[in-house]
Amino acid sequence: MNKHNPNNVRINRKYYIFLQEAKRQDESSIDGVAKAINRFEQLKTSNRFIINKR
């Protein structure tokens, strides 16, 4: 089992809230996104996400 980076968890949580409130997505859609992000985290080699600020 991989150890989760706390910054990644915060970013993911903000993204799920964004999908729910701003994009009005259904819970099942957000669950699908969460599963995809989880699969990505298991495959990636670095420990943190990078936020691109424009």
N, C-alpha and C. Protein backbone atom coordinates (compact mmCIF):
# COMPACT_ATOMS: atom_id res chain seq x y z
N MET A 1 0.84 -1.17 0.00
CA MET A 1 0.00 0.00 0.00
C MET A 1 0.89 1.24 0.00
N ASN A 2 0.58 2.18 -0.88
CA ASN A 2 1.36 3.40 -0.98
C ASN A 2 0.94 4.42 0.07
N LYS A 3 1.91 5.18 0.53
CA LYS A 3 1.63 6.24 1.47
C LYS A 3 1.18 7.47 0.68
N HIS A 4 0.09 8.11 1.12
CA HIS A 4 -0.44 9.26 0.40
C HIS A 4 0.25 10.53 0.84
N ASN A 5 0.54 11.38 -0.14
CA ASN A 5 1.11 12.69 0.13
C ASN A 5 -0.02 13.61 0.57
N PRO A 6 0.07 14.28 1.72
CA PRO A 6 -1.01 15.13 2.23
C PRO A 6 -1.38 16.26 1.26
N ASN A 7 -0.39 16.79 0.55
CA ASN A 7 -0.70 17.85 -0.42
C ASN A 7 -1.56 17.32 -1.56
N ASN A 8 -1.29 16.10 -2.00
CA ASN A 8 -2.10 15.51 -3.06
C ASN A 8 -3.54 15.30 -2.59
N VAL A 9 -3.70 14.87 -1.36
CA VAL A 9 -5.04 14.63 -0.82
C VAL A 9 -5.82 15.95 -0.79
N ARG A 10 -5.17 17.04 -0.38
CA ARG A 10 -5.83 18.35 -0.35
C ARG A 10 -6.23 18.81 -1.74
N ILE A 11 -5.32 18.63 -2.71
CA ILE A 11 -5.62 19.03 -4.09
C ILE A 11 -6.77 18.21 -4.63
N ASN A 12 -6.75 16.91 -4.38
CA ASN A 12 -7.84 16.05 -4.86
C ASN A 12 -9.17 16.47 -4.25
N ARG A 13 -9.18 16.75 -2.96
CA ARG A 13 -10.41 17.16 -2.28
C ARG A 13 -10.97 18.45 -2.87
N LYS A 14 -10.09 19.44 -3.12
CA LYS A 14 -10.54 20.69 -3.74
C LYS A 14 -11.11 20.43 -5.14
N TYR A 15 -10.49 19.52 -5.87
CA TYR A 15 -10.96 19.21 -7.22
C TYR A 15 -12.33 18.53 -7.18
N TYR A 16 -12.54 17.63 -6.23
CA TYR A 16 -13.83 16.96 -6.12
C TYR A 16 -14.93 17.97 -5.76
N ILE A 17 -14.61 18.89 -4.87
CA ILE A 17 -15.58 19.93 -4.51
C ILE A 17 -15.88 20.81 -5.72
N PHE A 18 -14.85 21.14 -6.51
CA PHE A 18 -15.04 21.92 -7.72
C PHE A 18 -15.98 21.19 -8.68
N LEU A 19 -15.75 19.91 -8.88
CA LEU A 19 -16.60 19.14 -9.79
C LEU A 19 -18.04 19.11 -9.30
N GLN A 20 -18.21 18.99 -8.00
CA GLN A 20 -19.56 18.90 -7.43
C GLN A 20 -20.28 20.24 -7.47
N GLU A 21 -19.62 21.31 -7.08
CA GLU A 21 -20.30 22.59 -6.94
C GLU A 21 -20.30 23.41 -8.24
N ALA A 22 -19.17 23.53 -8.89
CA ALA A 22 -19.08 24.39 -10.06
C ALA A 22 -19.58 23.69 -11.33
N LYS A 23 -19.22 22.45 -11.49
CA LYS A 23 -19.59 21.72 -12.69
C LYS A 23 -20.88 20.92 -12.53
N ARG A 24 -21.40 20.84 -11.30
CA ARG A 24 -22.66 20.14 -11.02
C ARG A 24 -22.66 18.69 -11.47
N GLN A 25 -21.54 18.02 -11.24
CA GLN A 25 -21.46 16.61 -11.63
C GLN A 25 -22.07 15.73 -10.55
N ASP A 26 -22.56 14.59 -10.99
CA ASP A 26 -23.20 13.62 -10.10
C ASP A 26 -22.13 12.90 -9.27
N GLU A 27 -22.53 12.38 -8.12
CA GLU A 27 -21.61 11.65 -7.24
C GLU A 27 -20.94 10.48 -7.95
N SER A 28 -21.68 9.79 -8.82
CA SER A 28 -21.09 8.64 -9.52
C SER A 28 -19.99 9.11 -10.48
N SER A 29 -20.15 10.27 -11.08
CA SER A 29 -19.11 10.82 -11.95
C SER A 29 -17.87 11.19 -11.15
N ILE A 30 -18.08 11.78 -9.99
CA ILE A 30 -16.96 12.17 -9.13
C ILE A 30 -16.25 10.92 -8.61
N ASP A 31 -17.00 9.86 -8.31
CA ASP A 31 -16.39 8.60 -7.89
C ASP A 31 -15.51 8.03 -9.00
N GLY A 32 -15.97 8.14 -10.24
CA GLY A 32 -15.18 7.67 -11.39
C GLY A 32 -13.89 8.44 -11.53
N VAL A 33 -13.96 9.75 -11.33
CA VAL A 33 -12.76 10.59 -11.38
C VAL A 33 -11.81 10.20 -10.25
N ALA A 34 -12.36 9.96 -9.06
CA ALA A 34 -11.53 9.58 -7.91
C ALA A 34 -10.82 8.25 -8.18
N LYS A 35 -11.51 7.31 -8.79
CA LYS A 35 -10.89 6.02 -9.10
C LYS A 35 -9.77 6.19 -10.12
N ALA A 36 -9.99 7.04 -11.12
CA ALA A 36 -8.97 7.27 -12.15
C ALA A 36 -7.74 7.94 -11.54
N ILE A 37 -7.95 8.92 -10.66
CA ILE A 37 -6.82 9.59 -10.01
C ILE A 37 -6.07 8.60 -9.13
N ASN A 38 -6.79 7.74 -8.44
CA ASN A 38 -6.15 6.73 -7.60
C ASN A 38 -5.29 5.78 -8.42
N ARG A 39 -5.81 5.34 -9.57
CA ARG A 39 -5.01 4.47 -10.45
C ARG A 39 -3.76 5.20 -10.93
N PHE A 40 -3.90 6.48 -11.28
CA PHE A 40 -2.75 7.26 -11.72
C PHE A 40 -1.71 7.38 -10.62
N GLU A 41 -2.14 7.63 -9.39
CA GLU A 41 -1.21 7.77 -8.27
C GLU A 41 -0.43 6.48 -8.03
N GLN A 42 -1.07 5.35 -8.27
CA GLN A 42 -0.39 4.07 -8.07
C GLN A 42 0.68 3.83 -9.13
N LEU A 43 0.52 4.40 -10.31
CA LEU A 43 1.45 4.17 -11.41
C LEU A 43 2.57 5.19 -11.50
N LYS A 44 2.36 6.38 -10.98
CA LYS A 44 3.36 7.44 -11.16
C LYS A 44 4.56 7.21 -10.24
N THR A 45 5.66 7.84 -10.61
CA THR A 45 6.90 7.62 -9.86
C THR A 45 7.18 8.72 -8.84
N SER A 46 6.76 9.97 -9.11
CA SER A 46 7.01 11.04 -8.14
C SER A 46 5.95 10.99 -7.04
N ASN A 47 6.19 11.72 -5.97
CA ASN A 47 5.31 11.65 -4.81
C ASN A 47 4.31 12.77 -4.72
N ARG A 48 4.38 13.77 -5.61
CA ARG A 48 3.48 14.90 -5.45
C ARG A 48 2.96 15.38 -6.79
N PHE A 49 1.81 16.02 -6.76
CA PHE A 49 1.25 16.66 -7.93
C PHE A 49 1.82 18.05 -8.05
N ILE A 50 1.85 18.57 -9.24
CA ILE A 50 2.31 19.93 -9.46
C ILE A 50 1.15 20.75 -10.00
N ILE A 51 0.88 21.88 -9.36
CA ILE A 51 -0.20 22.75 -9.81
C ILE A 51 0.39 23.80 -10.72
N ASN A 52 -0.12 23.88 -11.94
CA ASN A 52 0.31 24.90 -12.88
C ASN A 52 -0.52 26.15 -12.66
N LYS A 53 0.14 27.21 -12.25
CA LYS A 53 -0.54 28.48 -12.04
C LYS A 53 -0.26 29.38 -13.23
N ARG A 54 -1.31 29.83 -13.86
CA ARG A 54 -1.14 30.70 -15.02
C ARG A 54 -1.51 32.11 -14.69
